[in-house]
Amino acid sequence: MITGELKSQVDKLWESFWSGGVANPLTVIEQITYLLFIRRLDEIQLLEEKKANIAGIPIQRVIFNKEQQHLRWSEFTNKGPEAMFELFTRAEAGGMTVFDHMKQVGGSSGSIFADYMKGATFMIPTPRLLDQVVQMIDKIKMEDRDTKGDLYEYLLSKIATAGTNGQFRTPRHIIKMMVDMVEPQKEEVICDPACGSSGFLVAAGEYFRENHEDYFLEKDFREHYHNKMFNGVEFDATMLRIGAMNLNLHGIDNPNLIAKDALSESNADIRDAYTLILANPPFKGSLDYDSVEKSILQKVKTKKTELLFLGLILRILKTGGRCAVIVPDGVLFGSSKAHKQIREEIISRHRLEGVVSMPSGVFKPYAGVSTAILFFTKTGTGGTDKVWFYDMKADGFSLDDKRTPLDKAYQGESALEVSLDDTAKTSAVKHENNNIPDIIGRWGNRDQEKDNPRTAQSFMVPFEEIKANDWDLSINRYKEIEYEEVDYDPPKDIISAIRELQKENQKDLDALEELLK
């Protein structure tokens, strides 16, 4: 969990950019990302130098040669603002700037993360601001993975809080709930086809560190974890850089992030590749048929991105692979041919296991749409028997634009900064302000809920009933509401009580009038 000291340091860093004339939150975090990477390059070289000194051999991976020592973080942080700014903006004859070196270092850092820096643009406008932010970043202690990860998570929360590009940021506690429900396995190959800042991939990685720390003692698992387990697709180059840094600072060395439009022909070669999909694809927007890969249109012929992504997920999942995906409510009950087509595909040809209906305020302040989470397994041969439905009414925060913490476990944190409380992993006790522990607990024991009444918060619906309802997955289609009979007083008694109240009011008015004479 992020400390007050680290929060304060990040807040001051953020304020320095704003007062220095850099007002776009995405630009701020992008520039901080570059500086963090430049610092990390120097840290990698320092580690290599220590190894070489101990072993008495030359450095194996040289990031800074003899002529580039002045470009190192540990060197230029001691220079004055003007001299430092010169190193970032003006190269000596035959040399390069700090920024040029960062972009050209390529794979020499030992991480493909360097590849995402090649399109970077330096946008810090003044020597004074550069010196301020460099000195602030230099003071942040980043020795361990947890601190690095917390720092970047807090930075990312500021993008959404500022209301800019918030669509890239799914609330962290919702992501963690989904990951805890799917329980990633040791050999998973995980993908988010609209990865943005890589929040789902990071949460999946943290799941292993929190629940299976012993796995990291195994060489084969470490190799798989760092190089093959985490995959993402994202067309926005800025978000790729931010997502790559997020993964890197959380201790994932070589994630496979693909710079493509996931729905386009350029991504057609990815098929049957992943065992687990975790995603919150774009809800709004439509595409021309010509720009969508043909096999997706065979699954669902539509221009709506939320439906196209479901078709994509079915294509890129391996048989037996699982998915947890957030969709707008319209996907559940839409009456168009495409809506029915994709629902029928998932329910009849694969195995739909659960639908968690979330309240409309979960994505506020930047979106008020009602959403749901679909949990399904790709089989190609059907398998849907009973579908588990849960009616989430609260997620621990108020459902207005402020998203104020309501659960005591979250006091002092915003909905965009906190992790799910550890007790949520096993607790099945429902809290009136936070259904998440209850959801996780019931999901793990959903086989015992087959006889739950439809008036309960969670219940099972058989395949045949869903089919008979035109593949409708809206919880309101199946939920039964209990109406409590209320006994009212007879009308004559109510009228009599009203008259008594009027008499009392008249007496009070007369007394007030006497006082004013």
Protein backbone atom coordinates (compact mmCIF):
# COMPACT_ATOMS: atom_id res chain seq x y z
CA MET A 1 0.00 0.00 0.00
CA ILE A 2 1.34 3.45 -0.88
CA THR A 3 2.68 5.45 2.08
CA GLY A 4 1.82 9.03 2.97
CA GLU A 5 5.43 10.08 2.31
CA LEU A 6 5.42 8.60 -1.19
CA LYS A 7 2.05 10.20 -1.93
CA SER A 8 3.37 13.56 -0.84
CA GLN A 9 6.44 13.20 -3.06
CA VAL A 10 4.33 12.29 -6.09
CA ASP A 11 1.85 15.11 -5.40
CA LYS A 12 4.68 17.66 -5.30
CA LEU A 13 6.13 16.21 -8.50
CA TRP A 14 2.74 16.47 -10.20
CA GLU A 15 2.22 20.05 -8.98
CA SER A 16 5.64 21.07 -10.31
CA PHE A 17 4.63 20.03 -13.84
CA TRP A 18 1.37 21.93 -13.64
CA SER A 19 2.97 25.09 -12.27
CA GLY A 20 5.72 24.70 -14.90
CA GLY A 21 3.20 24.86 -17.75
CA VAL A 22 2.65 21.14 -18.51
CA ALA A 23 -1.09 20.73 -17.87
CA ASN A 24 -2.07 17.56 -19.78
CA PRO A 25 -2.08 14.68 -17.24
CA LEU A 26 -1.11 12.16 -19.91
CA THR A 27 1.86 14.29 -20.95
CA VAL A 28 2.92 14.62 -17.31
CA ILE A 29 2.97 10.89 -16.69
CA GLU A 30 4.64 10.26 -20.04
CA GLN A 31 7.51 12.63 -19.18
CA ILE A 32 7.84 11.09 -15.71
CA THR A 33 7.94 7.68 -17.39
CA TYR A 34 10.90 8.77 -19.54
CA LEU A 35 12.79 10.10 -16.53
CA LEU A 36 12.13 6.93 -14.55
CA PHE A 37 13.45 4.89 -17.46
CA ILE A 38 16.58 7.05 -17.75
CA ARG A 39 17.18 6.53 -14.02
CA ARG A 40 16.60 2.79 -14.42
CA LEU A 41 19.19 2.56 -17.23
CA ASP A 42 21.81 3.99 -14.88
CA GLU A 43 20.73 1.60 -12.10
CA ILE A 44 21.14 -1.36 -14.48
CA GLN A 45 24.64 -0.22 -15.46
CA LEU A 46 25.61 0.28 -11.80
CA LEU A 47 24.50 -3.29 -11.07
CA GLU A 48 26.51 -4.59 -14.04
CA GLU A 49 29.58 -2.68 -12.83
CA LYS A 50 29.27 -4.22 -9.37
CA LYS A 51 29.00 -7.71 -10.85
CA ALA A 52 32.05 -7.10 -13.04
CA ASN A 53 34.13 -5.79 -10.10
CA ILE A 54 33.26 -8.77 -7.93
CA ALA A 55 33.99 -11.28 -10.70
CA GLY A 56 37.02 -9.40 -11.99
CA ILE A 57 35.76 -9.46 -15.57
CA PRO A 58 34.67 -6.79 -18.09
CA ILE A 59 31.05 -5.53 -18.01
CA GLN A 60 28.85 -7.91 -20.00
CA ARG A 61 26.17 -5.40 -21.01
CA VAL A 62 27.35 -1.86 -21.64
CA ILE A 63 24.56 0.72 -21.65
CA PHE A 64 26.88 3.75 -21.31
CA ASN A 65 30.30 3.58 -22.94
CA LYS A 66 33.24 5.77 -21.89
CA GLU A 67 32.10 8.66 -24.09
CA GLN A 68 28.54 8.53 -22.70
CA GLN A 69 29.22 8.77 -18.97
CA HIS A 70 27.88 12.34 -18.87
CA LEU A 71 24.47 11.00 -20.01
CA ARG A 72 24.02 8.89 -16.88
CA TRP A 73 21.47 9.84 -14.23
CA SER A 74 24.07 9.73 -11.46
CA GLU A 75 26.20 12.20 -13.43
CA PHE A 76 23.78 14.86 -14.71
CA THR A 77 21.78 15.13 -11.47
CA ASN A 78 24.75 17.00 -10.00
CA LYS A 79 24.76 19.64 -12.75
CA GLY A 80 23.00 23.01 -12.72
CA PRO A 81 19.60 23.49 -14.44
CA GLU A 82 21.01 25.05 -17.64
CA ALA A 83 23.76 22.46 -18.08
CA MET A 84 21.30 19.62 -17.41
CA PHE A 85 18.80 21.02 -19.92
CA GLU A 86 21.58 21.24 -22.53
CA LEU A 87 22.29 17.52 -22.09
CA PHE A 88 18.61 16.76 -22.80
CA THR A 89 18.18 19.11 -25.77
CA ARG A 90 21.52 19.71 -27.47
CA ALA A 91 24.10 17.09 -28.40
CA GLU A 92 27.80 17.71 -28.54
CA ALA A 93 29.50 17.28 -31.91
CA GLY A 94 29.29 13.64 -32.89
CA GLY A 95 27.44 12.78 -29.69
CA MET A 96 23.85 12.49 -28.54
CA THR A 97 21.50 13.90 -25.94
CA VAL A 98 20.27 12.05 -22.86
CA PHE A 99 16.97 11.62 -24.64
CA ASP A 100 18.57 10.38 -27.87
CA HIS A 101 20.52 7.80 -25.90
CA MET A 102 17.36 6.63 -24.15
CA LYS A 103 15.63 6.09 -27.50
CA GLN A 104 18.57 4.44 -29.22
CA VAL A 105 19.68 2.15 -26.40
CA GLY A 106 17.31 -0.51 -27.85
CA GLY A 107 17.74 -3.91 -26.35
CA SER A 108 21.07 -3.13 -24.69
CA SER A 109 19.27 -2.56 -21.37
CA GLY A 110 18.41 -6.24 -21.33
CA SER A 111 14.67 -5.54 -21.65
CA ILE A 112 12.40 -5.13 -24.63
CA PHE A 113 10.90 -2.27 -22.62
CA ALA A 114 13.54 -0.07 -24.24
CA ASP A 115 11.87 -0.61 -27.62
CA TYR A 116 8.80 1.33 -26.51
CA MET A 117 10.93 4.43 -25.87
CA LYS A 118 11.95 4.89 -29.49
CA GLY A 119 9.06 7.24 -30.34
CA ALA A 120 9.42 9.34 -27.21
CA THR A 121 9.31 13.15 -27.37
CA PHE A 122 10.90 15.41 -24.76
CA MET A 123 8.30 18.00 -23.67
CA ILE A 124 9.69 19.58 -20.49
CA PRO A 125 9.86 23.24 -21.53
CA THR A 126 12.36 24.89 -19.16
CA PRO A 127 15.66 24.13 -17.40
CA ARG A 128 14.08 25.07 -14.05
CA LEU A 129 11.25 22.55 -14.39
CA LEU A 130 13.60 19.78 -15.57
CA ASP A 131 15.91 20.37 -12.60
CA GLN A 132 12.96 20.41 -10.19
CA VAL A 133 11.46 17.12 -11.34
CA VAL A 134 14.82 15.34 -11.72
CA GLN A 135 15.80 16.26 -8.17
CA MET A 136 12.38 15.14 -6.86
CA ILE A 137 12.57 11.79 -8.65
CA ASP A 138 16.14 11.32 -7.44
CA LYS A 139 14.97 11.62 -3.81
CA ILE A 140 12.30 8.92 -4.16
CA LYS A 141 13.56 5.66 -2.71
CA MET A 142 12.89 2.95 -5.29
CA GLU A 143 15.00 0.05 -4.09
CA ASP A 144 12.21 -2.53 -3.97
CA ARG A 145 9.54 -3.66 -6.39
CA ASP A 146 6.61 -2.79 -4.11
CA THR A 147 7.64 0.86 -3.82
CA LYS A 148 8.18 1.19 -7.56
CA GLY A 149 4.81 -0.39 -8.28
CA ASP A 150 2.96 1.72 -5.71
CA LEU A 151 4.57 4.87 -7.08
CA TYR A 152 3.40 4.17 -10.61
CA GLU A 153 -0.07 3.02 -9.57
CA TYR A 154 -0.54 6.31 -7.75
CA LEU A 155 0.64 8.23 -10.79
CA LEU A 156 -1.83 6.34 -12.98
CA SER A 157 -4.67 7.12 -10.57
CA LYS A 158 -4.04 10.80 -11.23
CA ILE A 159 -4.77 10.39 -14.95
CA ALA A 160 -8.30 9.21 -14.27
CA THR A 161 -8.85 11.60 -11.34
CA ALA A 162 -7.97 14.49 -13.64
CA GLY A 163 -10.67 13.34 -16.04
CA THR A 164 -8.35 12.96 -19.02
CA ASN A 165 -7.99 9.63 -20.81
CA GLY A 166 -9.75 7.97 -17.88
CA GLN A 167 -11.07 5.34 -20.25
CA PHE A 168 -7.67 3.66 -19.98
CA ARG A 169 -8.10 3.19 -16.24
CA THR A 170 -10.36 0.51 -14.81
CA PRO A 171 -10.81 0.91 -11.01
CA ARG A 172 -8.10 -1.10 -9.34
CA HIS A 173 -10.37 -2.88 -6.87
CA ILE A 174 -12.61 -4.11 -9.73
CA ILE A 175 -9.57 -5.43 -11.60
CA LYS A 176 -8.35 -7.22 -8.47
CA MET A 177 -11.78 -8.73 -7.86
CA MET A 178 -11.80 -10.18 -11.39
CA VAL A 179 -8.29 -11.58 -11.02
CA ASP A 180 -9.09 -13.14 -7.65
CA MET A 181 -12.19 -14.75 -9.16
CA VAL A 182 -10.37 -16.38 -12.11
CA GLU A 183 -7.40 -17.46 -9.95
CA PRO A 184 -4.62 -17.47 -12.59
CA GLN A 185 -2.74 -20.74 -12.83
CA LYS A 186 0.97 -21.47 -13.00
CA GLU A 187 1.20 -22.08 -16.74
CA GLU A 188 -1.16 -19.29 -17.87
CA VAL A 189 -0.50 -17.22 -20.96
CA ILE A 190 -2.45 -14.07 -20.11
CA CYS A 191 -3.59 -11.35 -22.50
CA ASP A 192 -5.46 -8.04 -22.42
CA PRO A 193 -6.36 -7.14 -26.04
CA ALA A 194 -7.00 -3.49 -25.08
CA CYS A 195 -4.32 -3.20 -22.41
CA GLY A 196 -3.95 0.58 -22.00
CA SER A 197 -1.83 1.09 -18.88
CA SER A 198 -1.63 -2.71 -18.33
CA GLY A 199 -3.65 -2.70 -15.10
CA PHE A 200 -5.05 -6.21 -15.62
CA LEU A 201 -1.65 -7.67 -16.44
CA VAL A 202 -0.07 -6.03 -13.39
CA ALA A 203 -2.85 -7.33 -11.12
CA ALA A 204 -2.39 -10.86 -12.49
CA GLY A 205 1.32 -10.63 -11.76
CA GLU A 206 0.68 -9.40 -8.23
CA TYR A 207 -1.74 -12.31 -7.69
CA PHE A 208 1.16 -14.77 -7.99
CA ARG A 209 3.38 -12.76 -5.64
CA GLU A 210 0.60 -12.55 -3.02
CA ASN A 211 -0.66 -16.13 -3.28
CA HIS A 212 2.15 -18.26 -4.73
CA GLU A 213 5.45 -16.72 -3.68
CA ASP A 214 6.95 -20.24 -3.66
CA TYR A 215 6.56 -20.44 -7.45
CA PHE A 216 9.34 -17.87 -7.84
CA LEU A 217 11.83 -20.34 -6.41
CA GLU A 218 11.42 -22.39 -9.61
CA LYS A 219 13.59 -21.37 -12.56
CA ASP A 220 11.06 -22.52 -15.18
CA PHE A 221 8.28 -20.46 -13.60
CA ARG A 222 10.47 -17.35 -13.36
CA GLU A 223 11.41 -17.72 -17.02
CA HIS A 224 7.75 -18.11 -18.01
CA TYR A 225 6.60 -15.27 -15.74
CA HIS A 226 9.07 -12.73 -17.07
CA ASN A 227 9.00 -13.63 -20.77
CA LYS A 228 5.80 -15.40 -21.84
CA MET A 229 3.00 -15.04 -19.31
CA PHE A 230 1.98 -11.40 -19.90
CA ASN A 231 0.74 -10.16 -23.27
CA GLY A 232 -1.11 -7.04 -24.34
CA VAL A 233 -2.30 -5.32 -27.49
CA GLU A 234 -2.58 -1.53 -27.70
CA PHE A 235 -2.61 0.82 -30.70
CA ASP A 236 -1.72 4.00 -28.77
CA ALA A 237 2.08 4.37 -28.57
CA THR A 238 1.92 6.60 -25.48
CA MET A 239 -0.17 4.08 -23.58
CA LEU A 240 2.20 1.29 -24.66
CA ARG A 241 5.10 3.15 -23.06
CA ILE A 242 3.08 3.81 -19.90
CA GLY A 243 1.87 0.20 -19.75
CA ALA A 244 5.37 -1.16 -20.32
CA MET A 245 6.74 0.99 -17.49
CA ASN A 246 3.90 -0.11 -15.22
CA LEU A 247 4.77 -3.78 -15.80
CA ASN A 248 8.50 -3.14 -15.53
CA LEU A 249 8.21 -1.35 -12.19
CA HIS A 250 6.05 -4.22 -10.89
CA GLY A 251 8.91 -6.64 -11.59
CA ILE A 252 7.84 -8.07 -14.97
CA ASP A 253 10.93 -7.85 -17.16
CA ASN A 254 9.86 -8.72 -20.70
CA PRO A 255 6.11 -8.43 -21.29
CA ASN A 256 4.96 -8.96 -24.84
CA LEU A 257 3.16 -5.73 -25.74
CA ILE A 258 2.01 -5.50 -29.35
CA ALA A 259 1.60 -2.11 -31.04
CA LYS A 260 -1.42 -2.86 -33.21
CA ASP A 261 -5.13 -2.21 -33.54
CA ALA A 262 -6.43 -5.44 -32.01
CA LEU A 263 -9.45 -5.59 -34.34
CA SER A 264 -7.61 -4.93 -37.59
CA GLU A 265 -6.19 -7.23 -40.28
CA SER A 266 -2.69 -6.43 -38.97
CA ASN A 267 -3.54 -8.48 -35.88
CA ALA A 268 -5.04 -11.41 -37.81
CA ASP A 269 -2.09 -13.73 -37.10
CA ILE A 270 -2.95 -14.03 -33.39
CA ARG A 271 -5.19 -17.08 -32.99
CA ASP A 272 -5.66 -19.68 -30.26
CA ALA A 273 -2.75 -18.10 -28.38
CA TYR A 274 -3.84 -17.39 -24.80
CA THR A 275 -5.21 -19.35 -21.86
CA LEU A 276 -6.65 -16.37 -19.95
CA ILE A 277 -8.11 -13.07 -21.14
CA LEU A 278 -8.69 -10.19 -18.71
CA ALA A 279 -10.11 -7.09 -20.34
CA ASN A 280 -12.21 -3.96 -20.27
CA PRO A 281 -12.45 -3.17 -24.00
CA PRO A 282 -13.65 0.20 -25.37
CA PHE A 283 -17.43 0.58 -25.03
CA LYS A 284 -18.10 3.43 -27.37
CA GLY A 285 -17.39 3.79 -31.04
CA SER A 286 -17.93 1.92 -34.25
CA LEU A 287 -15.70 0.77 -37.07
CA ASP A 288 -16.15 0.28 -40.79
CA TYR A 289 -16.45 -3.35 -41.85
CA ASP A 290 -13.40 -2.90 -44.10
CA SER A 291 -11.18 -2.10 -41.11
CA VAL A 292 -12.15 -5.19 -39.09
CA GLU A 293 -10.41 -8.55 -39.46
CA LYS A 294 -12.70 -10.93 -41.39
CA SER A 295 -12.76 -13.85 -38.95
CA ILE A 296 -14.14 -11.55 -36.24
CA LEU A 297 -17.00 -10.49 -38.53
CA GLN A 298 -17.80 -14.15 -39.07
CA LYS A 299 -18.40 -14.47 -35.34
CA VAL A 300 -20.38 -11.22 -35.07
CA LYS A 301 -21.15 -8.93 -37.99
CA THR A 302 -21.33 -5.49 -36.44
CA LYS A 303 -19.59 -2.14 -36.28
CA LYS A 304 -19.85 -1.87 -32.48
CA THR A 305 -16.48 -2.22 -30.77
CA GLU A 306 -17.83 -3.88 -27.61
CA LEU A 307 -19.26 -6.74 -29.68
CA LEU A 308 -16.26 -6.98 -31.99
CA PHE A 309 -13.93 -7.41 -29.02
CA LEU A 310 -15.96 -10.40 -27.82
CA GLY A 311 -15.50 -11.93 -31.27
CA LEU A 312 -11.77 -11.19 -31.07
CA ILE A 313 -11.51 -12.81 -27.63
CA LEU A 314 -13.08 -16.02 -28.94
CA ARG A 315 -10.53 -16.05 -31.76
CA ILE A 316 -7.40 -15.49 -29.67
CA LEU A 317 -8.31 -17.78 -26.75
CA LYS A 318 -7.03 -21.34 -26.82
CA THR A 319 -9.65 -24.06 -26.49
CA GLY A 320 -10.11 -24.47 -22.76
CA GLY A 321 -8.99 -20.89 -22.21
CA ARG A 322 -10.94 -18.64 -19.85
CA CYS A 323 -12.10 -15.04 -20.01
CA ALA A 324 -13.27 -12.33 -17.59
CA VAL A 325 -14.39 -9.27 -19.54
CA ILE A 326 -16.29 -6.09 -18.68
CA VAL A 327 -19.12 -5.20 -21.08
CA PRO A 328 -21.77 -2.47 -21.14
CA ASP A 329 -25.24 -3.63 -20.13
CA GLY A 330 -26.48 -3.28 -23.71
CA VAL A 331 -24.44 -6.35 -24.64
CA LEU A 332 -26.56 -8.40 -22.22
CA PHE A 333 -29.98 -7.56 -23.62
CA GLY A 334 -29.51 -5.74 -26.96
CA SER A 335 -32.09 -6.88 -29.49
CA SER A 336 -30.09 -6.39 -32.68
CA LYS A 337 -29.05 -9.40 -34.73
CA ALA A 338 -25.39 -8.86 -33.77
CA HIS A 339 -26.16 -8.68 -30.04
CA LYS A 340 -28.11 -11.93 -30.15
CA GLN A 341 -25.50 -13.55 -32.39
CA ILE A 342 -22.58 -13.00 -30.01
CA ARG A 343 -24.60 -14.00 -26.93
CA GLU A 344 -25.76 -17.20 -28.60
CA GLU A 345 -22.19 -17.93 -29.70
CA ILE A 346 -20.83 -17.64 -26.16
CA ILE A 347 -23.71 -19.46 -24.45
CA SER A 348 -24.41 -22.28 -26.91
CA ARG A 349 -20.99 -22.98 -28.46
CA HIS A 350 -18.89 -22.30 -25.37
CA ARG A 351 -19.42 -22.34 -21.59
CA LEU A 352 -20.74 -19.20 -19.97
CA GLU A 353 -20.22 -19.52 -16.24
CA GLY A 354 -21.12 -16.22 -14.62
CA VAL A 355 -22.53 -12.72 -15.02
CA VAL A 356 -21.83 -10.07 -12.38
CA SER A 357 -24.07 -7.06 -12.87
CA MET A 358 -22.40 -3.87 -11.60
CA PRO A 359 -24.09 -0.56 -10.67
CA SER A 360 -23.76 2.41 -13.02
CA GLY A 361 -21.54 4.44 -10.69
CA VAL A 362 -18.57 2.05 -10.74
CA PHE A 363 -16.82 3.95 -13.55
CA LYS A 364 -17.66 7.46 -12.41
CA PRO A 365 -16.60 10.24 -12.64
CA TYR A 366 -15.71 9.68 -16.29
CA ALA A 367 -18.45 7.23 -17.30
CA GLY A 368 -21.91 6.54 -15.91
CA VAL A 369 -22.81 3.50 -18.00
CA SER A 370 -24.08 0.33 -16.31
CA THR A 371 -21.75 -2.60 -16.86
CA ALA A 372 -21.39 -6.30 -16.19
CA ILE A 373 -18.58 -8.85 -16.08
CA LEU A 374 -18.86 -12.01 -18.19
CA PHE A 375 -16.95 -15.14 -17.16
CA PHE A 376 -16.71 -17.83 -19.82
CA THR A 377 -14.55 -20.66 -21.14
CA LYS A 378 -13.87 -21.31 -24.81
CA THR A 379 -14.83 -24.89 -25.66
CA GLY A 380 -16.17 -24.86 -29.22
CA THR A 381 -18.55 -27.64 -28.19
CA GLY A 382 -20.87 -25.89 -25.74
CA GLY A 383 -21.05 -26.80 -22.08
CA THR A 384 -23.21 -24.05 -20.58
CA ASP A 385 -25.44 -25.73 -18.03
CA LYS A 386 -26.39 -23.16 -15.41
CA VAL A 387 -25.23 -19.53 -15.40
CA TRP A 388 -24.44 -17.85 -12.07
CA PHE A 389 -25.83 -14.32 -11.73
CA TYR A 390 -24.85 -11.79 -9.04
CA ASP A 391 -26.49 -8.42 -8.51
CA MET A 392 -23.70 -6.15 -7.22
CA LYS A 393 -25.21 -3.18 -5.41
CA ALA A 394 -22.09 -1.67 -3.82
CA ASP A 395 -18.31 -1.83 -4.36
CA GLY A 396 -17.10 -0.03 -1.24
CA PHE A 397 -17.49 3.50 -2.61
CA SER A 398 -20.29 5.97 -3.15
CA LEU A 399 -21.76 5.70 -6.63
CA ASP A 400 -21.60 9.43 -7.40
CA ASP A 401 -18.82 11.41 -9.08
CA LYS A 402 -16.87 11.74 -5.82
CA ARG A 403 -16.59 7.95 -5.26
CA THR A 404 -16.12 8.44 -1.51
CA PRO A 405 -14.93 5.34 0.41
CA LEU A 406 -17.79 3.78 2.39
CA ASP A 407 -16.10 0.69 3.76
CA LYS A 408 -13.86 1.27 6.81
CA ALA A 409 -11.11 -0.73 5.11
CA TYR A 410 -10.89 1.94 2.44
CA GLN A 411 -11.02 5.11 4.57
CA GLY A 412 -8.52 7.71 3.40
CA GLU A 413 -8.16 6.24 -0.10
CA SER A 414 -9.86 7.03 -3.37
CA ALA A 415 -11.55 4.41 -5.51
CA LEU A 416 -8.66 4.69 -7.97
CA GLU A 417 -5.85 4.15 -5.48
CA VAL A 418 -6.73 1.20 -3.26
CA SER A 419 -6.27 -2.53 -3.40
CA LEU A 420 -8.95 -4.99 -2.43
CA ASP A 421 -8.64 -5.84 1.27
CA ASP A 422 -6.85 -9.15 1.76
CA THR A 423 -9.81 -10.66 3.58
CA ALA A 424 -11.81 -10.45 0.35
CA LYS A 425 -9.97 -13.50 -0.98
CA THR A 426 -11.70 -15.91 1.35
CA SER A 427 -14.54 -14.07 3.03
CA ALA A 428 -18.09 -14.78 1.95
CA VAL A 429 -19.60 -12.30 4.38
CA LYS A 430 -21.56 -9.60 2.62
CA HIS A 431 -21.01 -5.98 3.67
CA GLU A 432 -23.85 -3.63 2.86
CA ASN A 433 -21.38 -1.06 1.51
CA ASN A 434 -19.11 -3.50 -0.29
CA ASN A 435 -20.32 -6.65 -2.05
CA ILE A 436 -16.88 -7.62 -3.39
CA PRO A 437 -15.93 -10.03 -0.56
CA ASP A 438 -19.35 -11.64 -0.92
CA ILE A 439 -18.97 -11.96 -4.69
CA ILE A 440 -15.59 -13.69 -4.41
CA GLY A 441 -16.80 -15.98 -1.64
CA ARG A 442 -20.00 -17.01 -3.43
CA TRP A 443 -18.24 -17.44 -6.77
CA GLY A 444 -15.87 -19.94 -5.21
CA ASN A 445 -18.85 -21.91 -3.89
CA ARG A 446 -21.32 -21.29 -6.69
CA ASP A 447 -22.15 -24.97 -7.10
CA GLN A 448 -23.90 -24.74 -3.75
CA GLU A 449 -26.14 -21.92 -5.02
CA LYS A 450 -28.15 -23.96 -7.53
CA ASP A 451 -31.19 -23.91 -5.25
CA ASN A 452 -30.99 -20.21 -4.32
CA PRO A 453 -34.30 -18.41 -4.82
CA ARG A 454 -34.43 -15.75 -7.54
CA THR A 455 -34.99 -13.17 -4.80
CA ALA A 456 -31.43 -13.75 -3.52
CA GLN A 457 -28.53 -11.52 -4.52
CA SER A 458 -27.01 -14.42 -6.45
CA PHE A 459 -28.68 -17.38 -8.13
CA MET A 460 -28.42 -19.87 -11.00
CA VAL A 461 -30.35 -19.78 -14.28
CA PRO A 462 -30.46 -22.92 -16.47
CA PHE A 463 -29.35 -22.89 -20.10
CA GLU A 464 -32.81 -23.72 -21.50
CA GLU A 465 -34.40 -20.73 -19.77
CA ILE A 466 -31.78 -18.35 -21.17
CA LYS A 467 -32.25 -19.84 -24.64
CA ALA A 468 -36.03 -19.42 -24.36
CA ASN A 469 -35.48 -15.75 -23.50
CA ASP A 470 -33.61 -15.07 -26.76
CA TRP A 471 -30.21 -15.45 -25.03
CA ASP A 472 -30.97 -12.47 -22.76
CA LEU A 473 -28.38 -12.11 -19.97
CA SER A 474 -29.89 -9.16 -18.13
CA ILE A 475 -30.24 -10.04 -14.46
CA ASN A 476 -33.57 -8.20 -14.31
CA ARG A 477 -34.98 -10.75 -16.75
CA TYR A 478 -34.57 -13.51 -14.17
CA LYS A 479 -34.48 -11.81 -10.77
CA GLU A 480 -37.64 -11.89 -8.68
CA ILE A 481 -38.42 -8.97 -6.43
CA GLU A 482 -40.06 -9.52 -3.08
CA TYR A 483 -42.72 -6.96 -2.34
CA GLU A 484 -43.48 -6.46 1.33
CA GLU A 485 -47.06 -5.64 2.15
CA VAL A 486 -47.32 -2.35 3.98
CA ASP A 487 -50.27 -1.64 6.26
CA TYR A 488 -51.41 1.97 6.16
CA ASP A 489 -53.80 3.66 8.55
CA PRO A 490 -57.37 4.14 7.31
CA PRO A 491 -57.81 7.34 5.25
CA LYS A 492 -60.10 8.82 7.92
CA ASP A 493 -57.37 8.48 10.57
CA ILE A 494 -54.76 10.05 8.25
CA ILE A 495 -57.04 13.01 7.51
CA SER A 496 -57.74 13.43 11.23
CA ALA A 497 -53.98 13.46 11.97
CA ILE A 498 -53.40 16.08 9.27
CA ARG A 499 -56.12 18.29 10.80
CA GLU A 500 -54.45 18.02 14.21
CA LEU A 501 -51.14 19.06 12.71
CA GLN A 502 -52.79 22.04 11.02
CA LYS A 503 -54.31 23.13 14.35
CA GLU A 504 -50.90 22.94 16.03
CA ASN A 505 -49.32 24.95 13.20
CA GLN A 506 -52.04 27.59 13.53
CA LYS A 507 -51.40 27.89 17.28
CA ASP A 508 -47.68 28.39 16.64
CA LEU A 509 -48.38 31.07 14.04
CA ASP A 510 -50.75 32.90 16.42
CA ALA A 511 -48.12 32.83 19.17
CA LEU A 512 -45.49 34.21 16.78
CA GLU A 513 -47.84 36.95 15.67
CA GLU A 514 -48.41 37.99 19.33
CA LEU A 515 -44.67 38.30 19.85
CA LEU A 516 -44.39 40.68 16.90
CA LYS A 517 -47.06 43.12 18.17
